C-alpha atoms as a PDB file:
ATOM      1  CA  MET A   1     -24.311  57.217-236.362  1.00  0.00           C
ATOM      2  CA  LYS A   2     -26.617  60.224-236.761  1.00  0.00           C
ATOM      3  CA  ARG A   3     -28.697  58.317-239.304  1.00  0.00           C
ATOM      4  CA  ILE A   4     -29.214  55.440-236.907  1.00  0.00           C
ATOM      5  CA  ALA A   5     -30.251  57.793-234.105  1.00  0.00           C
ATOM      6  CA  ALA A   6     -32.617  59.677-236.417  1.00  0.00           C
ATOM      7  CA  THR A   7     -34.142  56.425-237.635  1.00  0.00           C
ATOM      8  CA  LEU A   8     -34.727  55.222-234.083  1.00  0.00           C
ATOM      9  CA  ILE A   9     -36.365  58.485-233.066  1.00  0.00           C
ATOM     10  CA  ILE A  10     -38.640  58.538-236.103  1.00  0.00           C
ATOM     11  CA  SER A  11     -39.573  54.897-235.535  1.00  0.00           C
ATOM     12  CA  ALA A  12     -40.484  55.613-231.919  1.00  0.00           C
ATOM     13  CA  LEU A  13     -42.639  58.584-232.893  1.00  0.00           C
ATOM     14  CA  THR A  14     -44.523  56.753-235.626  1.00  0.00           C
ATOM     15  CA  THR A  15     -45.144  53.772-233.367  1.00  0.00           C
ATOM     16  CA  SER A  16     -46.774  55.983-230.761  1.00  0.00           C
ATOM     17  CA  VAL A  17     -49.000  57.566-233.402  1.00  0.00           C
ATOM     18  CA  PHE A  18     -50.261  54.174-234.571  1.00  0.00           C
ATOM     19  CA  ALA A  19     -50.765  52.988-231.007  1.00  0.00           C
ATOM     20  CA  ALA A  20     -52.831  56.030-230.032  1.00  0.00           C
ATOM     21  CA  PRO A  21     -56.227  55.030-228.615  1.00  0.00           C
ATOM     22  CA  LYS A  22     -59.319  55.743-230.689  1.00  0.00           C
ATOM     23  CA  PRO A  23     -62.148  57.923-229.471  1.00  0.00           C
ATOM     24  CA  CYS A  24     -65.171  55.872-228.421  1.00  0.00           C
ATOM     25  CA  GLU A  25     -67.520  57.235-231.082  1.00  0.00           C
ATOM     26  CA  GLU A  26     -65.042  56.473-233.879  1.00  0.00           C
ATOM     27  CA  LEU A  27     -64.534  52.905-232.681  1.00  0.00           C
ATOM     28  CA  LYS A  28     -68.275  52.447-232.178  1.00  0.00           C
ATOM     29  CA  ALA A  29     -68.901  53.550-235.780  1.00  0.00           C
ATOM     30  CA  GLU A  30     -66.344  51.034-237.086  1.00  0.00           C
ATOM     31  CA  ILE A  31     -67.893  48.203-235.067  1.00  0.00           C
ATOM     32  CA  GLU A  32     -71.366  49.225-236.203  1.00  0.00           C
ATOM     33  CA  ALA A  33     -70.289  49.082-239.852  1.00  0.00           C
ATOM     34  CA  LYS A  34     -68.975  45.537-239.359  1.00  0.00           C
ATOM     35  CA  ILE A  35     -72.205  44.437-237.689  1.00  0.00           C
ATOM     36  CA  GLN A  36     -74.331  45.943-240.449  1.00  0.00           C
ATOM     37  CA  ALA A  37     -72.152  44.206-243.062  1.00  0.00           C
ATOM     38  CA  GLN A  38     -73.277  40.921-241.462  1.00  0.00           C
ATOM     39  CA  ASN A  39     -76.934  41.948-242.044  1.00  0.00           C
ATOM     40  CA  VAL A  40     -77.786  42.054-238.348  1.00  0.00           C
ATOM     41  CA  SER A  41     -80.941  44.130-238.201  1.00  0.00           C
ATOM     42  CA  SER A  42     -81.736  44.498-234.516  1.00  0.00           C
ATOM     43  CA  TYR A  43     -78.926  45.195-232.071  1.00  0.00           C
ATOM     44  CA  THR A  44     -77.703  47.697-229.521  1.00  0.00           C
ATOM     45  CA  LEU A  45     -74.193  49.132-229.179  1.00  0.00           C
ATOM     46  CA  GLU A  46     -73.545  51.180-226.082  1.00  0.00           C
ATOM     47  CA  VAL A  47     -70.494  52.945-224.662  1.00  0.00           C
ATOM     48  CA  VAL A  48     -70.293  52.462-220.900  1.00  0.00           C
ATOM     49  CA  GLY A  49     -67.781  52.897-218.110  1.00  0.00           C
ATOM     50  CA  ASN A  50     -65.804  49.867-216.956  1.00  0.00           C
ATOM     51  CA  GLU A  51     -67.787  49.646-213.718  1.00  0.00           C
ATOM     52  CA  GLU A  52     -71.054  49.310-215.669  1.00  0.00           C
ATOM     53  CA  VAL A  53     -70.012  46.106-217.478  1.00  0.00           C
ATOM     54  CA  HIS A  54     -71.784  43.121-215.939  1.00  0.00           C
ATOM     55  CA  ASP A  55     -71.038  40.499-218.620  1.00  0.00           C
ATOM     56  CA  GLN A  56     -67.569  40.541-220.216  1.00  0.00           C
ATOM     57  CA  ASN A  57     -68.923  38.443-223.113  1.00  0.00           C
ATOM     58  CA  MET A  58     -70.864  41.491-224.305  1.00  0.00           C
ATOM     59  CA  VAL A  59     -67.744  43.671-224.647  1.00  0.00           C
ATOM     60  CA  VAL A  60     -66.751  44.219-228.292  1.00  0.00           C
ATOM     61  CA  GLY A  61     -64.361  47.143-227.865  1.00  0.00           C
ATOM     62  CA  THR A  62     -62.327  49.213-225.447  1.00  0.00           C
ATOM     63  CA  CYS A  63     -61.698  52.938-225.829  1.00  0.00           C
ATOM     64  CA  GLU A  64     -60.422  56.055-224.053  1.00  0.00           C
ATOM     65  CA  ASN A  65     -57.283  54.374-222.745  1.00  0.00           C
ATOM     66  CA  GLY A  66     -59.223  51.397-221.398  1.00  0.00           C
ATOM     67  CA  THR A  67     -61.572  53.440-219.209  1.00  0.00           C
ATOM     68  CA  ARG A  68     -64.695  52.754-221.297  1.00  0.00           C
ATOM     69  CA  LYS A  69     -66.108  49.691-223.048  1.00  0.00           C
ATOM     70  CA  ILE A  70     -68.412  49.193-226.007  1.00  0.00           C
ATOM     71  CA  ILE A  71     -70.987  46.504-225.379  1.00  0.00           C
ATOM     72  CA  TYR A  72     -73.094  44.678-227.962  1.00  0.00           C
ATOM     73  CA  GLN A  73     -76.494  43.158-227.443  1.00  0.00           C
ATOM     74  CA  LYS A  74     -78.528  41.445-230.147  1.00  0.00           C
ATOM     75  CA  ASN A  75     -82.201  42.277-229.799  1.00  0.00           C
ATOM     76  CA  ASP A  76     -84.558  39.396-230.411  1.00  0.00           C
ATOM     77  CA  ARG A  77     -87.721  40.120-232.284  1.00  0.00           C
END
């Protein structure tokens, strides 16, 4: 019985660690690496507050417990 309880507690703790939100700059760097891997040369990634998002289609990430968004805009030459 103690093993089952210990297993459940450990499982709950590890789940919360994996579900922890990422800092905005870390997530932005990961997204930027994926964009650069696609050879996109001219783009803008910006971290903004939820109230500053005007077009939901531009949102490519959410960070800081859902209070901020990362928006992507491809710049035409």
